[in-house]
PDB file of N, CA and C in Angstrom:
ATOM      1  N   UNK A   1       3.089  10.184  10.512  1.00  0.00           N
ATOM      2  CA  UNK A   1       2.828   9.739   9.156  1.00  0.00           C
ATOM      3  C   UNK A   1       3.796   8.615   8.796  1.00  0.00           C
ATOM      4  N   UNK A   2       3.368   7.796   7.845  1.00  0.00           N
ATOM      5  CA  UNK A   2       4.227   6.724   7.345  1.00  0.00           C
ATOM      6  C   UNK A   2       3.793   6.357   5.916  1.00  0.00           C
ATOM      7  N   UNK A   3       4.658   5.649   5.183  1.00  0.00           N
ATOM      8  CA  UNK A   3       4.347   5.325   3.796  1.00  0.00           C
ATOM      9  C   UNK A   3       3.343   4.185   3.657  1.00  0.00           C
ATOM     10  N   UNK A   4       2.563   4.257   2.590  1.00  0.00           N
ATOM     11  CA  UNK A   4       1.680   3.159   2.197  1.00  0.00           C
ATOM     12  C   UNK A   4       1.954   2.896   0.711  1.00  0.00           C
ATOM     13  N   UNK A   5       2.055   1.621   0.356  1.00  0.00           N
ATOM     14  CA  UNK A   5       2.348   1.227  -1.021  1.00  0.00           C
ATOM     15  C   UNK A   5       1.077   0.747  -1.699  1.00  0.00           C
ATOM     16  N   UNK A   6       0.825   1.281  -2.891  1.00  0.00           N
ATOM     17  CA  UNK A   6      -0.287   0.821  -3.726  1.00  0.00           C
ATOM     18  C   UNK A   6       0.271  -0.282  -4.625  1.00  0.00           C
ATOM     19  N   UNK A   7      -0.047  -1.526  -4.316  1.00  0.00           N
ATOM     20  CA  UNK A   7       0.529  -2.648  -5.063  1.00  0.00           C
ATOM     21  C   UNK A   7      -0.047  -2.794  -6.463  1.00  0.00           C
ATOM     22  N   UNK A   8      -1.091  -2.052  -6.780  1.00  0.00           N
ATOM     23  CA  UNK A   8      -1.584  -2.025  -8.161  1.00  0.00           C
ATOM     24  C   UNK A   8      -0.652  -1.205  -9.047  1.00  0.00           C
ATOM     25  N   UNK A   9       0.120  -0.300  -8.432  1.00  0.00           N
ATOM     26  CA  UNK A   9       1.071   0.537  -9.167  1.00  0.00           C
ATOM     27  C   UNK A   9       2.524   0.067  -9.020  1.00  0.00           C
ATOM     28  N   UNK A  10       2.834  -0.625  -7.934  1.00  0.00           N
ATOM     29  CA  UNK A  10       4.211  -1.019  -7.623  1.00  0.00           C
ATOM     30  C   UNK A  10       4.762  -1.997  -8.656  1.00  0.00           C
ATOM     31  N   UNK A  11       5.982  -1.702  -9.140  1.00  0.00           N
ATOM     32  CA  UNK A  11       6.643  -2.583 -10.105  1.00  0.00           C
ATOM     33  C   UNK A  11       7.812  -3.350  -9.480  1.00  0.00           C
ATOM     34  N   UNK A  12       8.004  -3.205  -8.175  1.00  0.00           N
ATOM     35  CA  UNK A  12       9.038  -3.963  -7.487  1.00  0.00           C
ATOM     36  C   UNK A  12      10.456  -3.489  -7.738  1.00  0.00           C
ATOM     37  N   UNK A  13      10.644  -2.199  -7.964  1.00  0.00           N
ATOM     38  CA  UNK A  13      11.998  -1.682  -8.210  1.00  0.00           C
ATOM     39  C   UNK A  13      12.861  -1.714  -6.954  1.00  0.00           C
ATOM     40  N   UNK A  14      12.239  -1.731  -5.791  1.00  0.00           N
ATOM     41  CA  UNK A  14      12.905  -1.718  -4.479  1.00  0.00           C
ATOM     42  C   UNK A  14      13.725  -0.454  -4.227  1.00  0.00           C
ATOM     43  N   UNK A  15      13.474   0.605  -4.997  1.00  0.00           N
ATOM     44  CA  UNK A  15      14.192   1.857  -4.765  1.00  0.00           C
ATOM     45  C   UNK A  15      13.855   2.431  -3.396  1.00  0.00           C
ATOM     46  N   UNK A  16      12.615   2.265  -2.956  1.00  0.00           N
ATOM     47  CA  UNK A  16      12.214   2.740  -1.623  1.00  0.00           C
ATOM     48  C   UNK A  16      12.979   1.975  -0.538  1.00  0.00           C
ATOM     49  N   UNK A  17      13.082   0.690  -0.710  1.00  0.00           N
ATOM     50  CA  UNK A  17      13.808  -0.178   0.223  1.00  0.00           C
ATOM     51  C   UNK A  17      15.275   0.248   0.311  1.00  0.00           C
ATOM     52  N   UNK A  18      15.867   0.527  -0.840  1.00  0.00           N
ATOM     53  CA  UNK A  18      17.283   0.902  -0.888  1.00  0.00           C
ATOM     54  C   UNK A  18      17.570   2.273  -0.281  1.00  0.00           C
ATOM     55  N   UNK A  19      16.648   3.226  -0.451  1.00  0.00           N
ATOM     56  CA  UNK A  19      16.936   4.607  -0.041  1.00  0.00           C
ATOM     57  C   UNK A  19      16.542   4.926   1.396  1.00  0.00           C
ATOM     58  N   UNK A  20      15.670   4.157   1.992  1.00  0.00           N
ATOM     59  CA  UNK A  20      15.154   4.494   3.319  1.00  0.00           C
ATOM     60  C   UNK A  20      16.281   4.520   4.363  1.00  0.00           C
ATOM     61  N   UNK A  21      16.475   5.671   5.020  1.00  0.00           N
ATOM     62  CA  UNK A  21      17.580   5.781   5.982  1.00  0.00           C
ATOM     63  C   UNK A  21      17.333   5.069   7.311  1.00  0.00           C
ATOM     64  N   UNK A  22      16.092   4.657   7.577  1.00  0.00           N
ATOM     65  CA  UNK A  22      15.783   4.020   8.862  1.00  0.00           C
ATOM     66  C   UNK A  22      15.182   2.625   8.697  1.00  0.00           C
ATOM     67  N   UNK A  23      15.307   2.050   7.516  1.00  0.00           N
ATOM     68  CA  UNK A  23      14.883   0.669   7.254  1.00  0.00           C
ATOM     69  C   UNK A  23      13.416   0.385   7.591  1.00  0.00           C
ATOM     70  N   UNK A  24      12.533   1.251   7.113  1.00  0.00           N
ATOM     71  CA  UNK A  24      11.096   1.054   7.308  1.00  0.00           C
ATOM     72  C   UNK A  24      10.603  -0.144   6.494  1.00  0.00           C
ATOM     73  N   UNK A  25      11.250  -0.392   5.354  1.00  0.00           N
ATOM     74  CA  UNK A  25      10.799  -1.423   4.418  1.00  0.00           C
ATOM     75  C   UNK A  25      11.564  -2.738   4.547  1.00  0.00           C
ATOM     76  N   UNK A  26      10.897  -3.831   4.225  1.00  0.00           N
ATOM     77  CA  UNK A  26      11.519  -5.128   4.014  1.00  0.00           C
ATOM     78  C   UNK A  26      11.261  -5.517   2.570  1.00  0.00           C
ATOM     79  N   UNK A  27      12.093  -6.391   2.019  1.00  0.00           N
ATOM     80  CA  UNK A  27      11.868  -6.931   0.678  1.00  0.00           C
ATOM     81  C   UNK A  27      11.202  -8.287   0.847  1.00  0.00           C
ATOM     82  N   UNK A  28      10.065  -8.458   0.206  1.00  0.00           N
ATOM     83  CA  UNK A  28       9.271  -9.674   0.330  1.00  0.00           C
ATOM     84  C   UNK A  28       9.328 -10.452  -0.987  1.00  0.00           C
ATOM     85  N   UNK A  29       9.549 -11.744  -0.891  1.00  0.00           N
ATOM     86  CA  UNK A  29       9.548 -12.605  -2.068  1.00  0.00           C
ATOM     87  C   UNK A  29       8.122 -12.839  -2.547  1.00  0.00           C
ATOM     88  N   UNK A  30       7.900 -12.629  -3.845  1.00  0.00           N
ATOM     89  CA  UNK A  30       6.621 -12.950  -4.470  1.00  0.00           C
ATOM     90  C   UNK A  30       6.924 -13.704  -5.757  1.00  0.00           C
ATOM     91  N   UNK A  31       5.930 -14.246  -6.405  1.00  0.00           N
ATOM     92  CA  UNK A  31       6.149 -15.037  -7.619  1.00  0.00           C
ATOM     93  C   UNK A  31       6.908 -14.277  -8.690  1.00  0.00           C
ATOM     94  N   UNK A  32       6.623 -12.983  -8.838  1.00  0.00           N
ATOM     95  CA  UNK A  32       7.248 -12.173  -9.878  1.00  0.00           C
ATOM     96  C   UNK A  32       8.648 -11.695  -9.505  1.00  0.00           C
ATOM     97  N   UNK A  33       9.094 -11.947  -8.296  1.00  0.00           N
ATOM     98  CA  UNK A  33      10.405 -11.482  -7.840  1.00  0.00           C
ATOM     99  C   UNK A  33      10.328 -11.006  -6.409  1.00  0.00           C
ATOM    100  N   UNK A  34      10.563  -9.717  -6.207  1.00  0.00           N
ATOM    101  CA  UNK A  34      10.494  -9.126  -4.878  1.00  0.00           C
ATOM    102  C   UNK A  34       9.679  -7.846  -4.928  1.00  0.00           C
ATOM    103  N   UNK A  35       9.165  -7.459  -3.766  1.00  0.00           N
ATOM    104  CA  UNK A  35       8.517  -6.168  -3.621  1.00  0.00           C
ATOM    105  C   UNK A  35       8.781  -5.667  -2.211  1.00  0.00           C
ATOM    106  N   UNK A  36       8.692  -4.378  -2.050  1.00  0.00           N
ATOM    107  CA  UNK A  36       8.885  -3.775  -0.733  1.00  0.00           C
ATOM    108  C   UNK A  36       7.586  -3.843   0.053  1.00  0.00           C
ATOM    109  N   UNK A  37       7.721  -4.019   1.341  1.00  0.00           N
ATOM    110  CA  UNK A  37       6.580  -3.957   2.257  1.00  0.00           C
ATOM    111  C   UNK A  37       6.957  -3.016   3.403  1.00  0.00           C
ATOM    112  N   UNK A  38       5.973  -2.308   3.909  1.00  0.00           N
ATOM    113  CA  UNK A  38       6.197  -1.410   5.046  1.00  0.00           C
ATOM    114  C   UNK A  38       6.179  -2.279   6.303  1.00  0.00           C
ATOM    115  N   UNK A  39       7.360  -2.571   6.819  1.00  0.00           N
ATOM    116  CA  UNK A  39       7.496  -3.492   7.951  1.00  0.00           C
ATOM    117  C   UNK A  39       7.552  -2.783   9.299  1.00  0.00           C
ATOM    118  N   UNK A  40       8.095  -1.570   9.313  1.00  0.00           N
ATOM    119  CA  UNK A  40       8.264  -0.838  10.568  1.00  0.00           C
ATOM    120  C   UNK A  40       7.785   0.617  10.399  1.00  0.00           C
ATOM    121  N   UNK A  41       6.482   0.816  10.217  1.00  0.00           N
ATOM    122  CA  UNK A  41       5.986   2.178   9.988  1.00  0.00           C
ATOM    123  C   UNK A  41       6.289   3.135  11.142  1.00  0.00           C
ATOM    124  N   UNK A  42       6.378   2.611  12.342  1.00  0.00           N
ATOM    125  CA  UNK A  42       6.652   3.455  13.509  1.00  0.00           C
ATOM    126  C   UNK A  42       8.050   4.064  13.483  1.00  0.00           C
ATOM    127  N   UNK A  43       8.950   3.509  12.671  1.00  0.00           N
ATOM    128  CA  UNK A  43      10.313   4.031  12.566  1.00  0.00           C
ATOM    129  C   UNK A  43      10.450   5.152  11.539  1.00  0.00           C
ATOM    130  N   UNK A  44       9.414   5.406  10.770  1.00  0.00           N
ATOM    131  CA  UNK A  44       9.466   6.404   9.696  1.00  0.00           C
ATOM    132  C   UNK A  44       9.779   7.785  10.262  1.00  0.00           C
ATOM    133  N   UNK A  45      10.713   8.491   9.610  1.00  0.00           N
ATOM    134  CA  UNK A  45      11.086   9.846  10.021  1.00  0.00           C
ATOM    135  C   UNK A  45      10.490  10.894   9.086  1.00  0.00           C
ATOM    136  N   UNK A  46       9.573  10.476   8.229  1.00  0.00           N
ATOM    137  CA  UNK A  46       8.835  11.361   7.331  1.00  0.00           C
ATOM    138  C   UNK A  46       9.719  12.163   6.378  1.00  0.00           C
ATOM    139  N   UNK A  47      10.829  11.580   5.956  1.00  0.00           N
ATOM    140  CA  UNK A  47      11.719  12.270   5.021  1.00  0.00           C
ATOM    141  C   UNK A  47      11.164  12.257   3.596  1.00  0.00           C
ATOM    142  N   UNK A  48      10.277  11.323   3.317  1.00  0.00           N
ATOM    143  CA  UNK A  48       9.611  11.166   2.027  1.00  0.00           C
ATOM    144  C   UNK A  48      10.548  10.827   0.863  1.00  0.00           C
ATOM    145  N   UNK A  49      11.744  10.330   1.173  1.00  0.00           N
ATOM    146  CA  UNK A  49      12.653   9.903   0.101  1.00  0.00           C
ATOM    147  C   UNK A  49      12.039   8.763  -0.702  1.00  0.00           C
ATOM    148  N   UNK A  50      11.321   7.877  -0.035  1.00  0.00           N
ATOM    149  CA  UNK A  50      10.689   6.754  -0.719  1.00  0.00           C
ATOM    150  C   UNK A  50       9.659   7.241  -1.735  1.00  0.00           C
ATOM    151  N   UNK A  51       8.894   8.258  -1.368  1.00  0.00           N
ATOM    152  CA  UNK A  51       7.899   8.839  -2.267  1.00  0.00           C
ATOM    153  C   UNK A  51       8.594   9.440  -3.486  1.00  0.00           C
ATOM    154  N   UNK A  52       9.697  10.120  -3.256  1.00  0.00           N
ATOM    155  CA  UNK A  52      10.419  10.806  -4.330  1.00  0.00           C
ATOM    156  C   UNK A  52      11.056   9.849  -5.326  1.00  0.00           C
ATOM    157  N   UNK A  53      11.563   8.700  -4.867  1.00  0.00           N
ATOM    158  CA  UNK A  53      12.273   7.798  -5.776  1.00  0.00           C
ATOM    159  C   UNK A  53      11.383   6.763  -6.456  1.00  0.00           C
ATOM    160  N   UNK A  54      10.160   6.611  -6.008  1.00  0.00           N
ATOM    161  CA  UNK A  54       9.282   5.586  -6.591  1.00  0.00           C
ATOM    162  C   UNK A  54       8.984   5.931  -8.047  1.00  0.00           C
ATOM    163  N   UNK A  55       9.347   5.048  -8.973  1.00  0.00           N
ATOM    164  CA  UNK A  55       9.179   5.354 -10.404  1.00  0.00           C
ATOM    165  C   UNK A  55       7.729   5.333 -10.884  1.00  0.00           C
ATOM    166  N   UNK A  56       6.818   4.793 -10.087  1.00  0.00           N
ATOM    167  CA  UNK A  56       5.424   4.700 -10.522  1.00  0.00           C
ATOM    168  C   UNK A  56       4.458   5.427  -9.587  1.00  0.00           C
ATOM    169  N   UNK A  57       4.981   6.255  -8.693  1.00  0.00           N
ATOM    170  CA  UNK A  57       4.146   6.991  -7.727  1.00  0.00           C
ATOM    171  C   UNK A  57       3.242   6.058  -6.922  1.00  0.00           C
ATOM    172  N   UNK A  58       3.773   4.916  -6.544  1.00  0.00           N
ATOM    173  CA  UNK A  58       2.997   3.918  -5.806  1.00  0.00           C
ATOM    174  C   UNK A  58       3.009   4.152  -4.300  1.00  0.00           C
ATOM    175  N   UNK A  59       3.816   5.104  -3.822  1.00  0.00           N
ATOM    176  CA  UNK A  59       3.929   5.330  -2.385  1.00  0.00           C
ATOM    177  C   UNK A  59       3.357   6.693  -2.022  1.00  0.00           C
ATOM    178  N   UNK A  60       2.515   6.681  -1.018  1.00  0.00           N
ATOM    179  CA  UNK A  60       1.931   7.904  -0.471  1.00  0.00           C
ATOM    180  C   UNK A  60       2.132   7.879   1.033  1.00  0.00           C
ATOM    181  N   UNK A  61       2.262   9.060   1.616  1.00  0.00           N
ATOM    182  CA  UNK A  61       2.363   9.181   3.064  1.00  0.00           C
ATOM    183  C   UNK A  61       0.953   9.280   3.617  1.00  0.00           C
ATOM    184  N   UNK A  62       0.674   8.523   4.684  1.00  0.00           N
ATOM    185  CA  UNK A  62      -0.638   8.545   5.321  1.00  0.00           C
ATOM    186  C   UNK A  62      -0.474   8.855   6.802  1.00  0.00           C
ATOM    187  N   UNK A  63      -1.554   9.321   7.412  1.00  0.00           N
ATOM    188  CA  UNK A  63      -1.553   9.606   8.845  1.00  0.00           C
ATOM    189  C   UNK A  63      -1.502   8.296   9.632  1.00  0.00           C
ATOM    190  N   UNK A  64      -0.852   8.335  10.772  1.00  0.00           N
ATOM    191  CA  UNK A  64      -0.795   7.167  11.658  1.00  0.00           C
ATOM    192  C   UNK A  64      -2.156   6.879  12.242  1.00  0.00           C
TER     193      UNK A  64
END
């Protein structure tokens, strides 16, 4: 399993990027600022910390 971000809900807090212990996410520049992207899904250890800290419930775990 690995995280998927719903960009319709994402507000770009980057809390997922900051908390991930294995650096699954990268911060991507967009017009509004930055947003997290799932750059290395294969590195995910399924701790779900990113899901827990997301302020808008924009992250869900999906099957590989």
